[in-house]
Amino acid sequence: MSQFTHPNAASHNWENEGGSVGPESYAGSLGVVRVLTETFKVGGYTYTNLADAVAQARRIQAPRIGR
């Protein structure tokens, strides 16, 4: 019977022995809070506000007058 060995077994075992502190644990101890931000991409630009992204998309799709 063969035994499965995790590809990162050496580092995985070391990490579980308290050899390092996870970056989030350390950051949390300093009062750093992780916040995920939703972003919207339109025409090569990135927006964090949906209304701004929709407005830009409408400007892109609006017929060009005088062109």
PDB file of N, CA and C in Angstrom:
ATOM      1  N   MET A   1       0.830  -1.163   0.000  1.00  0.00           N
ATOM      2  CA  MET A   1       0.000   0.000   0.000  1.00  0.00           C
ATOM      3  C   MET A   1       0.887   1.243   0.000  1.00  0.00           C
ATOM      4  N   SER A   2       0.619   2.195  -0.909  1.00  0.00           N
ATOM      5  CA  SER A   2       1.434   3.403  -0.969  1.00  0.00           C
ATOM      6  C   SER A   2       0.840   4.487  -0.068  1.00  0.00           C
ATOM      7  N   GLN A   3       1.718   5.356   0.390  1.00  0.00           N
ATOM      8  CA  GLN A   3       1.293   6.433   1.275  1.00  0.00           C
ATOM      9  C   GLN A   3       1.414   7.754   0.530  1.00  0.00           C
ATOM     10  N   PHE A   4       0.369   8.568   0.592  1.00  0.00           N
ATOM     11  CA  PHE A   4       0.380   9.866  -0.077  1.00  0.00           C
ATOM     12  C   PHE A   4       1.242  10.839   0.712  1.00  0.00           C
ATOM     13  N   THR A   5       2.114  11.527   0.007  1.00  0.00           N
ATOM     14  CA  THR A   5       2.943  12.558   0.627  1.00  0.00           C
ATOM     15  C   THR A   5       2.562  13.898   0.032  1.00  0.00           C
ATOM     16  N   HIS A   6       2.221  14.818   0.889  1.00  0.00           N
ATOM     17  CA  HIS A   6       1.855  16.165   0.443  1.00  0.00           C
ATOM     18  C   HIS A   6       3.041  16.777  -0.289  1.00  0.00           C
ATOM     19  N   PRO A   7       2.801  17.479  -1.443  1.00  0.00           N
ATOM     20  CA  PRO A   7       3.899  18.061  -2.213  1.00  0.00           C
ATOM     21  C   PRO A   7       4.758  19.024  -1.400  1.00  0.00           C
ATOM     22  N   ASN A   8       4.178  19.698  -0.446  1.00  0.00           N
ATOM     23  CA  ASN A   8       4.931  20.639   0.384  1.00  0.00           C
ATOM     24  C   ASN A   8       5.106  20.088   1.799  1.00  0.00           C
ATOM     25  N   ALA A   9       5.329  18.797   1.898  1.00  0.00           N
ATOM     26  CA  ALA A   9       5.368  18.140   3.204  1.00  0.00           C
ATOM     27  C   ALA A   9       6.408  18.749   4.128  1.00  0.00           C
ATOM     28  N   ALA A  10       7.597  19.033   3.629  1.00  0.00           N
ATOM     29  CA  ALA A  10       8.654  19.559   4.494  1.00  0.00           C
ATOM     30  C   ALA A  10       8.264  20.915   5.063  1.00  0.00           C
ATOM     31  N   SER A  11       7.819  21.837   4.212  1.00  0.00           N
ATOM     32  CA  SER A  11       7.451  23.154   4.711  1.00  0.00           C
ATOM     33  C   SER A  11       6.161  23.089   5.505  1.00  0.00           C
ATOM     34  N   HIS A  12       5.237  22.194   5.107  1.00  0.00           N
ATOM     35  CA  HIS A  12       3.968  22.063   5.818  1.00  0.00           C
ATOM     36  C   HIS A  12       4.220  21.614   7.261  1.00  0.00           C
ATOM     37  N   ASN A  13       5.109  20.640   7.449  1.00  0.00           N
ATOM     38  CA  ASN A  13       5.418  20.162   8.795  1.00  0.00           C
ATOM     39  C   ASN A  13       6.098  21.249   9.616  1.00  0.00           C
ATOM     40  N   TRP A  14       7.015  21.972   9.015  1.00  0.00           N
ATOM     41  CA  TRP A  14       7.721  23.027   9.722  1.00  0.00           C
ATOM     42  C   TRP A  14       6.747  24.108  10.165  1.00  0.00           C
ATOM     43  N   GLU A  15       5.811  24.505   9.276  1.00  0.00           N
ATOM     44  CA  GLU A  15       4.830  25.538   9.600  1.00  0.00           C
ATOM     45  C   GLU A  15       3.983  25.114  10.799  1.00  0.00           C
ATOM     46  N   ASN A  16       3.626  23.829  10.873  1.00  0.00           N
ATOM     47  CA  ASN A  16       2.791  23.350  11.966  1.00  0.00           C
ATOM     48  C   ASN A  16       3.537  23.238  13.295  1.00  0.00           C
ATOM     49  N   GLU A  17       4.834  23.350  13.274  1.00  0.00           N
ATOM     50  CA  GLU A  17       5.621  23.265  14.504  1.00  0.00           C
ATOM     51  C   GLU A  17       5.865  24.640  15.106  1.00  0.00           C
ATOM     52  N   GLY A  18       5.195  25.645  14.601  1.00  0.00           N
ATOM     53  CA  GLY A  18       5.366  26.988  15.147  1.00  0.00           C
ATOM     54  C   GLY A  18       6.578  27.694  14.593  1.00  0.00           C
ATOM     55  N   GLY A  19       7.076  27.240  13.447  1.00  0.00           N
ATOM     56  CA  GLY A  19       8.269  27.837  12.863  1.00  0.00           C
ATOM     57  C   GLY A  19       8.051  29.209  12.258  1.00  0.00           C
ATOM     58  N   SER A  20       6.815  29.556  11.944  1.00  0.00           N
ATOM     59  CA  SER A  20       6.566  30.887  11.409  1.00  0.00           C
ATOM     60  C   SER A  20       5.217  31.382  11.895  1.00  0.00           C
ATOM     61  N   VAL A  21       5.055  32.660  11.800  1.00  0.00           N
ATOM     62  CA  VAL A  21       3.788  33.269  12.173  1.00  0.00           C
ATOM     63  C   VAL A  21       3.125  33.707  10.887  1.00  0.00           C
ATOM     64  N   GLY A  22       1.864  33.313  10.691  1.00  0.00           N
ATOM     65  CA  GLY A  22       1.137  33.722   9.500  1.00  0.00           C
ATOM     66  C   GLY A  22       1.036  35.228   9.429  1.00  0.00           C
ATOM     67  N   PRO A  23       1.145  35.781   8.237  1.00  0.00           N
ATOM     68  CA  PRO A  23       1.124  37.231   8.099  1.00  0.00           C
ATOM     69  C   PRO A  23      -0.163  37.859   8.641  1.00  0.00           C
ATOM     70  N   GLU A  24      -1.300  37.173   8.485  1.00  0.00           N
ATOM     71  CA  GLU A  24      -2.555  37.728   8.976  1.00  0.00           C
ATOM     72  C   GLU A  24      -2.600  37.709  10.500  1.00  0.00           C
ATOM     73  N   SER A  25      -2.033  36.683  11.110  1.00  0.00           N
ATOM     74  CA  SER A  25      -2.013  36.618  12.573  1.00  0.00           C
ATOM     75  C   SER A  25      -1.189  37.762  13.132  1.00  0.00           C
ATOM     76  N   TYR A  26      -0.040  37.990  12.557  1.00  0.00           N
ATOM     77  CA  TYR A  26       0.828  39.068  13.022  1.00  0.00           C
ATOM     78  C   TYR A  26       0.175  40.422  12.768  1.00  0.00           C
ATOM     79  N   ALA A  27      -0.373  40.601  11.578  1.00  0.00           N
ATOM     80  CA  ALA A  27      -1.025  41.862  11.243  1.00  0.00           C
ATOM     81  C   ALA A  27      -2.203  42.106  12.175  1.00  0.00           C
ATOM     82  N   GLY A  28      -2.985  41.065  12.442  1.00  0.00           N
ATOM     83  CA  GLY A  28      -4.126  41.195  13.342  1.00  0.00           C
ATOM     84  C   GLY A  28      -3.713  41.617  14.737  1.00  0.00           C
ATOM     85  N   SER A  29      -2.569  41.111  15.188  1.00  0.00           N
ATOM     86  CA  SER A  29      -2.094  41.484  16.519  1.00  0.00           C
ATOM     87  C   SER A  29      -1.702  42.948  16.585  1.00  0.00           C
ATOM     88  N   LEU A  30      -1.443  43.549  15.427  1.00  0.00           N
ATOM     89  CA  LEU A  30      -1.101  44.969  15.362  1.00  0.00           C
ATOM     90  C   LEU A  30      -2.329  45.838  15.117  1.00  0.00           C
ATOM     91  N   GLY A  31      -3.498  45.204  14.986  1.00  0.00           N
ATOM     92  CA  GLY A  31      -4.720  45.957  14.759  1.00  0.00           C
ATOM     93  C   GLY A  31      -5.079  46.134  13.293  1.00  0.00           C
ATOM     94  N   VAL A  32      -4.387  45.428  12.406  1.00  0.00           N
ATOM     95  CA  VAL A  32      -4.684  45.512  10.981  1.00  0.00           C
ATOM     96  C   VAL A  32      -5.877  44.609  10.686  1.00  0.00           C
ATOM     97  N   VAL A  33      -6.859  45.148   9.970  1.00  0.00           N
ATOM     98  CA  VAL A  33      -8.067  44.400   9.646  1.00  0.00           C
ATOM     99  C   VAL A  33      -8.134  44.209   8.140  1.00  0.00           C
ATOM    100  N   ARG A  34      -8.384  42.989   7.714  1.00  0.00           N
ATOM    101  CA  ARG A  34      -8.485  42.676   6.294  1.00  0.00           C
ATOM    102  C   ARG A  34      -9.898  43.000   5.809  1.00  0.00           C
ATOM    103  N   VAL A  35      -9.977  43.741   4.688  1.00  0.00           N
ATOM    104  CA  VAL A  35     -11.258  44.107   4.108  1.00  0.00           C
ATOM    105  C   VAL A  35     -11.204  43.773   2.624  1.00  0.00           C
ATOM    106  N   LEU A  36     -12.164  42.993   2.154  1.00  0.00           N
ATOM    107  CA  LEU A  36     -12.239  42.660   0.739  1.00  0.00           C
ATOM    108  C   LEU A  36     -13.056  43.736   0.044  1.00  0.00           C
ATOM    109  N   THR A  37     -12.581  44.195  -1.100  1.00  0.00           N
ATOM    110  CA  THR A  37     -13.248  45.261  -1.837  1.00  0.00           C
ATOM    111  C   THR A  37     -13.690  44.746  -3.193  1.00  0.00           C
ATOM    112  N   GLU A  38     -14.943  44.992  -3.527  1.00  0.00           N
ATOM    113  CA  GLU A  38     -15.481  44.612  -4.821  1.00  0.00           C
ATOM    114  C   GLU A  38     -15.062  45.673  -5.840  1.00  0.00           C
ATOM    115  N   THR A  39     -14.569  45.231  -6.997  1.00  0.00           N
ATOM    116  CA  THR A  39     -14.159  46.166  -8.039  1.00  0.00           C
ATOM    117  C   THR A  39     -14.873  45.833  -9.343  1.00  0.00           C
ATOM    118  N   PHE A  40     -14.985  46.845 -10.194  1.00  0.00           N
ATOM    119  CA  PHE A  40     -15.666  46.713 -11.485  1.00  0.00           C
ATOM    120  C   PHE A  40     -14.739  47.253 -12.556  1.00  0.00           C
ATOM    121  N   LYS A  41     -14.576  46.522 -13.655  1.00  0.00           N
ATOM    122  CA  LYS A  41     -13.684  46.939 -14.740  1.00  0.00           C
ATOM    123  C   LYS A  41     -14.502  47.310 -15.963  1.00  0.00           C
ATOM    124  N   VAL A  42     -14.190  48.488 -16.514  1.00  0.00           N
ATOM    125  CA  VAL A  42     -14.861  48.983 -17.714  1.00  0.00           C
ATOM    126  C   VAL A  42     -13.828  49.713 -18.562  1.00  0.00           C
ATOM    127  N   GLY A  43     -13.696  49.280 -19.803  1.00  0.00           N
ATOM    128  CA  GLY A  43     -12.828  49.991 -20.745  1.00  0.00           C
ATOM    129  C   GLY A  43     -11.401  50.196 -20.272  1.00  0.00           C
ATOM    130  N   GLY A  44     -10.859  49.249 -19.572  1.00  0.00           N
ATOM    131  CA  GLY A  44      -9.467  49.358 -19.132  1.00  0.00           C
ATOM    132  C   GLY A  44      -9.291  50.067 -17.806  1.00  0.00           C
ATOM    133  N   TYR A  45     -10.364  50.558 -17.211  1.00  0.00           N
ATOM    134  CA  TYR A  45     -10.298  51.237 -15.920  1.00  0.00           C
ATOM    135  C   TYR A  45     -10.980  50.375 -14.859  1.00  0.00           C
ATOM    136  N   THR A  46     -10.580  50.576 -13.618  1.00  0.00           N
ATOM    137  CA  THR A  46     -11.158  49.830 -12.503  1.00  0.00           C
ATOM    138  C   THR A  46     -11.857  50.802 -11.574  1.00  0.00           C
ATOM    139  N   TYR A  47     -13.075  50.434 -11.176  1.00  0.00           N
ATOM    140  CA  TYR A  47     -13.889  51.274 -10.302  1.00  0.00           C
ATOM    141  C   TYR A  47     -14.262  50.497  -9.052  1.00  0.00           C
ATOM    142  N   THR A  48     -14.376  51.188  -7.925  1.00  0.00           N
ATOM    143  CA  THR A  48     -14.866  50.565  -6.704  1.00  0.00           C
ATOM    144  C   THR A  48     -16.324  50.933  -6.465  1.00  0.00           C
ATOM    145  N   ASN A  49     -16.846  51.837  -7.272  1.00  0.00           N
ATOM    146  CA  ASN A  49     -18.232  52.272  -7.154  1.00  0.00           C
ATOM    147  C   ASN A  49     -18.997  51.796  -8.389  1.00  0.00           C
ATOM    148  N   LEU A  50     -20.038  50.994  -8.192  1.00  0.00           N
ATOM    149  CA  LEU A  50     -20.805  50.442  -9.306  1.00  0.00           C
ATOM    150  C   LEU A  50     -21.440  51.537 -10.152  1.00  0.00           C
ATOM    151  N   ALA A  51     -21.962  52.584  -9.530  1.00  0.00           N
ATOM    152  CA  ALA A  51     -22.601  53.670 -10.277  1.00  0.00           C
ATOM    153  C   ALA A  51     -21.605  54.338 -11.231  1.00  0.00           C
ATOM    154  N   ASP A  52     -20.372  54.525 -10.794  1.00  0.00           N
ATOM    155  CA  ASP A  52     -19.345  55.117 -11.662  1.00  0.00           C
ATOM    156  C   ASP A  52     -19.025  54.194 -12.833  1.00  0.00           C
ATOM    157  N   ALA A  53     -18.950  52.900 -12.572  1.00  0.00           N
ATOM    158  CA  ALA A  53     -18.658  51.932 -13.632  1.00  0.00           C
ATOM    159  C   ALA A  53     -19.784  51.904 -14.661  1.00  0.00           C
ATOM    160  N   VAL A  54     -21.027  51.934 -14.197  1.00  0.00           N
ATOM    161  CA  VAL A  54     -22.171  51.934 -15.110  1.00  0.00           C
ATOM    162  C   VAL A  54     -22.183  53.216 -15.928  1.00  0.00           C
ATOM    163  N   ALA A  55     -21.915  54.347 -15.300  1.00  0.00           N
ATOM    164  CA  ALA A  55     -21.876  55.619 -16.027  1.00  0.00           C
ATOM    165  C   ALA A  55     -20.817  55.586 -17.121  1.00  0.00           C
ATOM    166  N   GLN A  56     -19.659  55.045 -16.833  1.00  0.00           N
ATOM    167  CA  GLN A  56     -18.599  54.946 -17.835  1.00  0.00           C
ATOM    168  C   GLN A  56     -19.003  54.008 -18.957  1.00  0.00           C
ATOM    169  N   ALA A  57     -19.617  52.883 -18.627  1.00  0.00           N
ATOM    170  CA  ALA A  57     -20.063  51.935 -19.653  1.00  0.00           C
ATOM    171  C   ALA A  57     -21.088  52.594 -20.575  1.00  0.00           C
ATOM    172  N   ARG A  58     -21.974  53.397 -20.010  1.00  0.00           N
ATOM    173  CA  ARG A  58     -22.965  54.111 -20.834  1.00  0.00           C
ATOM    174  C   ARG A  58     -22.291  55.131 -21.745  1.00  0.00           C
ATOM    175  N   ARG A  59     -21.284  55.832 -21.220  1.00  0.00           N
ATOM    176  CA  ARG A  59     -20.555  56.799 -22.056  1.00  0.00           C
ATOM    177  C   ARG A  59     -19.872  56.104 -23.224  1.00  0.00           C
ATOM    178  N   ILE A  60     -19.322  54.928 -22.961  1.00  0.00           N
ATOM    179  CA  ILE A  60     -18.636  54.184 -24.024  1.00  0.00           C
ATOM    180  C   ILE A  60     -19.635  53.743 -25.089  1.00  0.00           C
ATOM    181  N   GLN A  61     -20.821  53.340 -24.678  1.00  0.00           N
ATOM    182  CA  GLN A  61     -21.813  52.814 -25.619  1.00  0.00           C
ATOM    183  C   GLN A  61     -22.649  53.912 -26.291  1.00  0.00           C
ATOM    184  N   ALA A  62     -22.611  55.130 -25.772  1.00  0.00           N
ATOM    185  CA  ALA A  62     -23.403  56.214 -26.353  1.00  0.00           C
ATOM    186  C   ALA A  62     -22.925  56.499 -27.768  1.00  0.00           C
ATOM    187  N   PRO A  63     -23.861  56.772 -28.695  1.00  0.00           N
ATOM    188  CA  PRO A  63     -23.460  57.085 -30.070  1.00  0.00           C
ATOM    189  C   PRO A  63     -22.614  58.356 -30.101  1.00  0.00           C
ATOM    190  N   ARG A  64     -21.611  58.326 -30.901  1.00  0.00           N
ATOM    191  CA  ARG A  64     -20.696  59.462 -31.033  1.00  0.00           C
ATOM    192  C   ARG A  64     -21.323  60.497 -31.983  1.00  0.00           C
ATOM    193  N   ILE A  65     -21.547  61.691 -31.476  1.00  0.00           N
ATOM    194  CA  ILE A  65     -22.120  62.762 -32.303  1.00  0.00           C
ATOM    195  C   ILE A  65     -20.983  63.518 -32.970  1.00  0.00           C
ATOM    196  N   GLY A  66     -21.126  63.709 -34.279  1.00  0.00           N
ATOM    197  CA  GLY A  66     -20.108  64.468 -35.021  1.00  0.00           C
ATOM    198  C   GLY A  66     -18.897  63.653 -35.397  1.00  0.00           C
ATOM    199  N   ARG A  67     -18.967  62.353 -35.297  1.00  0.00           N
ATOM    200  CA  ARG A  67     -17.810  61.526 -35.685  1.00  0.00           C
ATOM    201  C   ARG A  67     -18.176  60.619 -36.808  1.00  0.00           C
TER     202      ARG A  67
END
